[in-house]
C-alpha atoms as a PDB file:
ATOM      1  CA  MET A   1     129.154  47.684  67.174  1.00  0.00           C
ATOM      2  CA  ALA A   2     125.365  47.841  67.326  1.00  0.00           C
ATOM      3  CA  ASP A   3     123.885  50.739  69.295  1.00  0.00           C
ATOM      4  CA  TYR A   4     121.173  49.992  71.879  1.00  0.00           C
ATOM      5  CA  GLU A   5     118.829  52.741  73.066  1.00  0.00           C
ATOM      6  CA  ILE A   6     115.651  53.012  75.138  1.00  0.00           C
ATOM      7  CA  ILE A   7     113.080  55.221  73.396  1.00  0.00           C
ATOM      8  CA  ASN A   8     110.643  57.064  75.647  1.00  0.00           C
ATOM      9  CA  SER A   9     107.579  58.722  74.096  1.00  0.00           C
ATOM     10  CA  GLU A  10     104.791  59.960  76.355  1.00  0.00           C
ATOM     11  CA  GLU A  11     105.870  57.466  79.043  1.00  0.00           C
ATOM     12  CA  LEU A  12     105.698  54.562  76.575  1.00  0.00           C
ATOM     13  CA  ARG A  13     109.058  52.818  76.172  1.00  0.00           C
ATOM     14  CA  MET A  14     110.555  50.749  73.364  1.00  0.00           C
ATOM     15  CA  VAL A  15     113.991  49.392  72.527  1.00  0.00           C
ATOM     16  CA  LYS A  16     115.806  50.736  69.463  1.00  0.00           C
ATOM     17  CA  VAL A  17     118.813  48.867  68.043  1.00  0.00           C
ATOM     18  CA  THR A  18     120.834  50.545  65.293  1.00  0.00           C
ATOM     19  CA  LEU A  19     122.717  48.043  63.128  1.00  0.00           C
ATOM     20  CA  ASN A  20     125.661  48.693  60.836  1.00  0.00           C
ATOM     21  CA  GLY A  21     126.232  45.208  59.492  1.00  0.00           C
ATOM     22  CA  GLU A  22     125.855  43.645  62.954  1.00  0.00           C
ATOM     23  CA  THR A  23     123.409  41.076  64.284  1.00  0.00           C
ATOM     24  CA  VAL A  24     121.005  41.247  67.209  1.00  0.00           C
ATOM     25  CA  ARG A  25     119.084  38.295  68.680  1.00  0.00           C
ATOM     26  CA  ALA A  26     115.631  38.823  70.217  1.00  0.00           C
ATOM     27  CA  GLU A  27     112.832  37.036  71.990  1.00  0.00           C
ATOM     28  CA  GLY A  28     110.262  35.589  69.602  1.00  0.00           C
ATOM     29  CA  GLY A  29     107.454  38.092  69.060  1.00  0.00           C
ATOM     30  CA  ALA A  30     109.442  41.050  70.435  1.00  0.00           C
ATOM     31  CA  LEU A  31     109.785  42.796  67.044  1.00  0.00           C
ATOM     32  CA  HIS A  32     107.702  45.972  66.746  1.00  0.00           C
ATOM     33  CA  TYR A  33     109.029  47.217  63.384  1.00  0.00           C
ATOM     34  CA  MET A  34     112.300  47.704  61.506  1.00  0.00           C
ATOM     35  CA  ILE A  35     113.645  50.222  58.999  1.00  0.00           C
ATOM     36  CA  GLY A  36     116.424  49.606  56.469  1.00  0.00           C
ATOM     37  CA  SER A  37     118.075  46.646  54.800  1.00  0.00           C
ATOM     38  CA  ILE A  38     117.716  44.029  57.524  1.00  0.00           C
ATOM     39  CA  GLU A  39     117.270  40.268  57.187  1.00  0.00           C
ATOM     40  CA  MET A  40     115.519  38.232  59.846  1.00  0.00           C
ATOM     41  CA  LYS A  41     116.461  34.567  60.330  1.00  0.00           C
ATOM     42  CA  THR A  42     115.110  31.968  62.737  1.00  0.00           C
ATOM     43  CA  LYS A  43     117.330  28.970  63.409  1.00  0.00           C
ATOM     44  CA  ARG A  44     115.539  25.613  63.462  1.00  0.00           C
ATOM     45  CA  PRO A  45     115.785  24.161  66.997  1.00  0.00           C
ATOM     46  CA  SER A  46     116.989  20.659  67.762  1.00  0.00           C
ATOM     47  CA  VAL A  47     114.401  17.951  68.470  1.00  0.00           C
ATOM     48  CA  GLY A  48     115.264  18.141  72.165  1.00  0.00           C
ATOM     49  CA  GLY A  49     114.922  21.904  72.133  1.00  0.00           C
ATOM     50  CA  PHE A  50     111.552  21.713  70.411  1.00  0.00           C
ATOM     51  CA  LEU A  51     110.238  19.183  72.948  1.00  0.00           C
ATOM     52  CA  LYS A  52     111.504  21.364  75.771  1.00  0.00           C
ATOM     53  CA  SER A  53     109.639  24.311  74.257  1.00  0.00           C
ATOM     54  CA  LEU A  54     106.413  22.294  74.236  1.00  0.00           C
ATOM     55  CA  ALA A  55     106.916  21.267  77.860  1.00  0.00           C
ATOM     56  CA  THR A  56     107.756  24.759  79.094  1.00  0.00           C
ATOM     57  CA  SER A  57     105.438  26.906  76.947  1.00  0.00           C
ATOM     58  CA  GLU A  58     108.556  29.105  76.668  1.00  0.00           C
ATOM     59  CA  SER A  59     109.576  30.168  73.174  1.00  0.00           C
ATOM     60  CA  ILE A  60     112.902  28.820  71.941  1.00  0.00           C
ATOM     61  CA  PHE A  61     112.499  30.511  68.559  1.00  0.00           C
ATOM     62  CA  ARG A  62     114.712  33.549  69.021  1.00  0.00           C
ATOM     63  CA  PRO A  63     115.228  35.189  65.622  1.00  0.00           C
ATOM     64  CA  THR A  64     118.296  37.177  64.608  1.00  0.00           C
ATOM     65  CA  TYR A  65     118.278  40.462  62.684  1.00  0.00           C
ATOM     66  CA  THR A  66     121.288  41.299  60.502  1.00  0.00           C
ATOM     67  CA  GLY A  67     121.989  44.259  58.235  1.00  0.00           C
ATOM     68  CA  THR A  68     121.972  48.038  58.247  1.00  0.00           C
ATOM     69  CA  GLY A  69     119.132  50.021  59.740  1.00  0.00           C
ATOM     70  CA  GLU A  70     117.033  50.291  62.869  1.00  0.00           C
ATOM     71  CA  VAL A  71     115.089  47.576  64.676  1.00  0.00           C
ATOM     72  CA  PHE A  72     112.466  48.460  67.281  1.00  0.00           C
ATOM     73  CA  PHE A  73     111.509  45.926  69.925  1.00  0.00           C
ATOM     74  CA  GLY A  74     108.505  46.109  72.191  1.00  0.00           C
ATOM     75  CA  PRO A  75     105.748  46.017  72.865  1.00  0.00           C
ATOM     76  CA  PRO A  76     105.571  49.696  73.845  1.00  0.00           C
ATOM     77  CA  THR A  77     105.187  49.584  77.612  1.00  0.00           C
ATOM     78  CA  PHE A  78     104.823  51.691  80.734  1.00  0.00           C
ATOM     79  CA  GLY A  79     107.311  49.350  82.391  1.00  0.00           C
ATOM     80  CA  GLU A  80     111.102  49.589  82.167  1.00  0.00           C
ATOM     81  CA  TYR A  81     113.696  48.320  79.686  1.00  0.00           C
ATOM     82  CA  HIS A  82     117.302  48.001  80.906  1.00  0.00           C
ATOM     83  CA  ILE A  83     120.568  47.813  78.956  1.00  0.00           C
ATOM     84  CA  MET A  84     123.370  45.769  80.523  1.00  0.00           C
ATOM     85  CA  GLU A  85     126.872  45.009  79.276  1.00  0.00           C
ATOM     86  CA  LEU A  86     128.057  41.458  79.940  1.00  0.00           C
ATOM     87  CA  ASN A  87     131.733  40.529  80.050  1.00  0.00           C
ATOM     88  CA  GLY A  88     131.805  36.787  80.331  1.00  0.00           C
ATOM     89  CA  ASP A  89     128.942  36.943  82.844  1.00  0.00           C
ATOM     90  CA  SER A  90     126.097  34.473  83.307  1.00  0.00           C
ATOM     91  CA  LEU A  91     122.625  35.498  84.484  1.00  0.00           C
ATOM     92  CA  VAL A  92     119.242  33.904  85.090  1.00  0.00           C
ATOM     93  CA  LEU A  93     116.285  36.051  84.004  1.00  0.00           C
ATOM     94  CA  ASP A  94     112.731  35.667  85.217  1.00  0.00           C
ATOM     95  CA  LYS A  95     110.206  34.514  82.620  1.00  0.00           C
ATOM     96  CA  GLY A  96     109.347  37.341  80.220  1.00  0.00           C
ATOM     97  CA  ALA A  97     112.329  39.510  81.181  1.00  0.00           C
ATOM     98  CA  TYR A  98     114.583  38.729  78.187  1.00  0.00           C
ATOM     99  CA  ILE A  99     114.110  41.098  75.209  1.00  0.00           C
ATOM    100  CA  CYS A 100     117.229  41.040  73.012  1.00  0.00           C
ATOM    101  CA  SER A 101     121.013  40.718  73.059  1.00  0.00           C
ATOM    102  CA  SER A 102     124.191  40.750  71.009  1.00  0.00           C
ATOM    103  CA  GLU A 103     124.907  37.731  68.837  1.00  0.00           C
ATOM    104  CA  GLY A 104     127.829  36.808  71.099  1.00  0.00           C
ATOM    105  CA  ILE A 105     125.557  36.131  74.063  1.00  0.00           C
ATOM    106  CA  GLU A 106     124.263  32.566  74.393  1.00  0.00           C
ATOM    107  CA  VAL A 107     120.589  32.326  75.331  1.00  0.00           C
ATOM    108  CA  GLY A 108     118.996  29.217  76.850  1.00  0.00           C
ATOM    109  CA  ILE A 109     116.366  28.093  79.341  1.00  0.00           C
ATOM    110  CA  MET A 110     116.599  26.326  82.700  1.00  0.00           C
ATOM    111  CA  ARG A 111     114.107  24.765  85.101  1.00  0.00           C
ATOM    112  CA  ASN A 112     113.610  26.086  88.615  1.00  0.00           C
ATOM    113  CA  LYS A 113     113.235  23.153  90.987  1.00  0.00           C
ATOM    114  CA  GLY A 114     111.721  25.054  93.913  1.00  0.00           C
ATOM    115  CA  LEU A 115     108.329  24.015  95.266  1.00  0.00           C
ATOM    116  CA  LYS A 116     106.830  27.436  94.598  1.00  0.00           C
ATOM    117  CA  SER A 117     107.943  27.362  90.999  1.00  0.00           C
ATOM    118  CA  MET A 118     106.324  23.981  90.442  1.00  0.00           C
ATOM    119  CA  ALA A 119     103.009  24.681  92.077  1.00  0.00           C
ATOM    120  CA  PHE A 120     102.280  28.241  93.039  1.00  0.00           C
ATOM    121  CA  GLY A 121     103.505  30.737  90.466  1.00  0.00           C
ATOM    122  CA  GLY A 122     105.762  33.638  91.458  1.00  0.00           C
ATOM    123  CA  GLU A 123     108.936  33.155  89.487  1.00  0.00           C
ATOM    124  CA  GLY A 124     108.365  31.049  86.410  1.00  0.00           C
ATOM    125  CA  ILE A 125     109.055  27.313  86.409  1.00  0.00           C
ATOM    126  CA  TRP A 126     111.277  27.872  83.381  1.00  0.00           C
ATOM    127  CA  GLN A 127     113.599  30.845  83.160  1.00  0.00           C
ATOM    128  CA  THR A 128     115.968  32.296  80.578  1.00  0.00           C
ATOM    129  CA  THR A 129     119.734  31.974  80.939  1.00  0.00           C
ATOM    130  CA  VAL A 130     122.184  34.349  79.268  1.00  0.00           C
ATOM    131  CA  SER A 131     125.965  34.140  79.206  1.00  0.00           C
ATOM    132  CA  GLY A 132     128.864  35.590  77.261  1.00  0.00           C
ATOM    133  CA  THR A 133     130.119  39.011  76.226  1.00  0.00           C
ATOM    134  CA  GLY A 134     128.015  41.739  74.698  1.00  0.00           C
ATOM    135  CA  THR A 135     124.865  43.791  75.269  1.00  0.00           C
ATOM    136  CA  LEU A 136     121.733  42.482  76.969  1.00  0.00           C
ATOM    137  CA  VAL A 137     118.344  44.205  77.148  1.00  0.00           C
ATOM    138  CA  TYR A 138     115.826  42.985  79.709  1.00  0.00           C
ATOM    139  CA  TYR A 139     112.429  44.109  81.008  1.00  0.00           C
ATOM    140  CA  SER A 140     110.959  44.788  84.439  1.00  0.00           C
ATOM    141  CA  GLN A 141     107.682  46.268  85.646  1.00  0.00           C
ATOM    142  CA  GLY A 142     109.488  49.091  87.451  1.00  0.00           C
ATOM    143  CA  PRO A 143     112.924  50.487  88.359  1.00  0.00           C
ATOM    144  CA  ILE A 144     115.682  48.019  89.242  1.00  0.00           C
ATOM    145  CA  GLN A 145     117.349  47.807  92.631  1.00  0.00           C
ATOM    146  CA  GLU A 146     120.690  45.964  92.674  1.00  0.00           C
ATOM    147  CA  ILE A 147     121.386  43.886  95.781  1.00  0.00           C
ATOM    148  CA  ASN A 148     124.992  42.745  96.296  1.00  0.00           C
ATOM    149  CA  LEU A 149     125.157  39.538  98.278  1.00  0.00           C
ATOM    150  CA  GLN A 150     128.413  38.681 100.050  1.00  0.00           C
ATOM    151  CA  ASN A 151     128.080  35.078 101.178  1.00  0.00           C
ATOM    152  CA  THR A 152     124.628  35.854 102.569  1.00  0.00           C
ATOM    153  CA  THR A 153     120.940  35.258 101.837  1.00  0.00           C
ATOM    154  CA  ILE A 154     118.036  37.318 100.564  1.00  0.00           C
ATOM    155  CA  THR A 155     114.398  36.212 100.840  1.00  0.00           C
ATOM    156  CA  VAL A 156     112.169  37.582  98.086  1.00  0.00           C
ATOM    157  CA  ASP A 157     108.400  37.455  97.809  1.00  0.00           C
ATOM    158  CA  GLY A 158     106.683  36.815  94.471  1.00  0.00           C
ATOM    159  CA  ASN A 159     108.431  37.599  91.188  1.00  0.00           C
ATOM    160  CA  PHE A 160     110.236  40.727  92.389  1.00  0.00           C
ATOM    161  CA  ALA A 161     113.594  39.090  91.558  1.00  0.00           C
ATOM    162  CA  VAL A 162     113.865  39.910  87.848  1.00  0.00           C
ATOM    163  CA  ALA A 163     117.406  38.568  87.427  1.00  0.00           C
ATOM    164  CA  ARG A 164     120.272  37.069  89.384  1.00  0.00           C
ATOM    165  CA  ASP A 165     123.846  35.949  88.841  1.00  0.00           C
ATOM    166  CA  ALA A 166     123.854  32.311  87.750  1.00  0.00           C
ATOM    167  CA  SER A 167     126.395  31.482  90.476  1.00  0.00           C
ATOM    168  CA  LEU A 168     123.834  32.157  93.218  1.00  0.00           C
ATOM    169  CA  HIS A 169     121.923  29.309  94.838  1.00  0.00           C
ATOM    170  CA  TYR A 170     118.128  29.397  94.497  1.00  0.00           C
ATOM    171  CA  LYS A 171     115.374  27.554  96.344  1.00  0.00           C
ATOM    172  CA  THR A 172     111.743  28.054  97.351  1.00  0.00           C
ATOM    173  CA  GLU A 173     110.246  27.553 100.798  1.00  0.00           C
ATOM    174  CA  MET A 174     107.194  28.484 102.832  1.00  0.00           C
ATOM    175  CA  LEU A 175     107.759  31.459 105.109  1.00  0.00           C
ATOM    176  CA  GLY A 176     107.091  30.681 108.779  1.00  0.00           C
ATOM    177  CA  LYS A 177     107.639  27.538 110.845  1.00  0.00           C
ATOM    178  CA  GLY A 178     104.074  26.547 111.717  1.00  0.00           C
ATOM    179  CA  LEU A 179     101.362  25.672 109.229  1.00  0.00           C
ATOM    180  CA  MET A 180      99.019  28.305 110.678  1.00  0.00           C
ATOM    181  CA  SER A 181     101.678  31.029 110.614  1.00  0.00           C
ATOM    182  CA  LYS A 182     102.469  30.229 107.000  1.00  0.00           C
ATOM    183  CA  PHE A 183      98.922  30.916 105.883  1.00  0.00           C
ATOM    184  CA  ALA A 184      97.945  33.546 108.462  1.00  0.00           C
ATOM    185  CA  GLY A 185     101.140  35.498 107.789  1.00  0.00           C
ATOM    186  CA  GLY A 186      99.975  36.271 104.275  1.00  0.00           C
ATOM    187  CA  GLU A 187     103.387  35.665 102.706  1.00  0.00           C
ATOM    188  CA  GLY A 188     103.157  31.956 101.855  1.00  0.00           C
ATOM    189  CA  PHE A 189     105.977  30.777  99.583  1.00  0.00           C
ATOM    190  CA  VAL A 190     109.121  32.844  99.069  1.00  0.00           C
ATOM    191  CA  ASN A 191     112.220  32.618  96.897  1.00  0.00           C
ATOM    192  CA  ILE A 192     115.489  32.259  98.803  1.00  0.00           C
ATOM    193  CA  ILE A 193     118.669  33.317  97.003  1.00  0.00           C
ATOM    194  CA  SER A 194     122.058  32.857  98.652  1.00  0.00           C
ATOM    195  CA  GLY A 195     125.775  33.087  97.967  1.00  0.00           C
ATOM    196  CA  THR A 196     127.935  35.852  96.530  1.00  0.00           C
ATOM    197  CA  GLY A 197     126.686  37.850  93.555  1.00  0.00           C
ATOM    198  CA  LYS A 198     124.044  40.303  92.401  1.00  0.00           C
ATOM    199  CA  VAL A 199     120.267  40.087  92.544  1.00  0.00           C
ATOM    200  CA  TYR A 200     118.203  42.518  90.477  1.00  0.00           C
ATOM    201  CA  LEU A 201     114.902  43.400  92.134  1.00  0.00           C
ATOM    202  CA  SER A 202     111.961  45.379  90.807  1.00  0.00           C
ATOM    203  CA  PRO A 203     109.876  45.928  93.965  1.00  0.00           C
ATOM    204  CA  ILE A 204     108.352  49.244  92.882  1.00  0.00           C
ATOM    205  CA  PRO A 205     106.025  49.557  89.849  1.00  0.00           C
ATOM    206  CA  SER A 206     106.616  52.305  87.300  1.00  0.00           C
ATOM    207  CA  ARG A 207     105.202  55.774  87.918  1.00  0.00           C
ATOM    208  CA  PHE A 208     102.370  55.099  85.477  1.00  0.00           C
ATOM    209  CA  ASN A 209     101.429  51.858  87.233  1.00  0.00           C
ATOM    210  CA  ASN A 210     101.369  53.717  90.556  1.00  0.00           C
ATOM    211  CA  LEU A 211      99.179  56.412  89.020  1.00  0.00           C
ATOM    212  CA  ALA A 212      96.866  53.837  87.435  1.00  0.00           C
ATOM    213  CA  SER A 213      96.496  52.060  90.779  1.00  0.00           C
ATOM    214  CA  ARG A 214      95.566  55.319  92.494  1.00  0.00           C
ATOM    215  CA  VAL A 215      93.054  56.219  89.771  1.00  0.00           C
ATOM    216  CA  ILE A 216      91.439  52.781  89.942  1.00  0.00           C
ATOM    217  CA  GLY A 217      91.383  52.927  93.726  1.00  0.00           C
ATOM    218  CA  ASP A 218      89.791  56.399  93.715  1.00  0.00           C
ATOM    219  CA  THR A 219      87.242  55.256  91.152  1.00  0.00           C
ATOM    220  CA  ILE A 220      86.254  52.220  93.195  1.00  0.00           C
ATOM    221  CA  SER A 221      86.068  54.343  96.352  1.00  0.00           C
ATOM    222  CA  GLY A 222      83.674  56.696  94.574  1.00  0.00           C
ATOM    223  CA  ILE A 223      81.517  53.903  93.160  1.00  0.00           C
ATOM    224  CA  ILE A 224      81.002  51.997  96.403  1.00  0.00           C
ATOM    225  CA  PRO A 225      79.355  54.881  98.349  1.00  0.00           C
ATOM    226  CA  PHE A 226      77.240  55.677  95.299  1.00  0.00           C
ATOM    227  CA  MET A 227      76.021  52.092  95.102  1.00  0.00           C
ATOM    228  CA  GLY A 228      75.298  52.111  98.808  1.00  0.00           C
ATOM    229  CA  ASN A 229      72.854  54.969  98.317  1.00  0.00           C
ATOM    230  CA  ASN A 230      70.654  52.883  95.995  1.00  0.00           C
END
């Protein structure tokens, strides 16, 4: 069984997969480097899959790596990589969250039909689906908070919902009943997820991102008074 590990060096994180004759599938472009006797293969997509890739701007070329050695996936990031074991589960991942997975996990793409997805950003119009049994590695900008829904609803702003159980119902609406309140409230469109299952949120940036924001804010605060003296 392949071994999956998150490597942390000076706050930069990568994914390390140790293979002993196994196979790992990854997002196109996720490879950082590999060591050992490992063969990379990219399966030619169907015509329909290729056309869908053109329409979505989402890569459907997900290469596999087979052999003995170590494969490192990235890019090195100040965000977070997460290892999850699936046992016949099905998930929907936000665009850019999928990194790599065991060969036994089926990877596809689906279209979000919510108004926000079509017109205003937030969660991507097209998202990655994963299902099966094996190991999944996904990415988020910060730590993950698991929300267990029991026949209830959660309303999420922006792209904080990194992943969700595929059984959950998803839609997008404007927050607020009146047109003025929708715009004056500052929230605009939100993602509404309901049913029974798990939602994986990343509402808090990593420690480095928090630090960077403070440094930038302090820098700007120092520049503005200085400019005002000229």
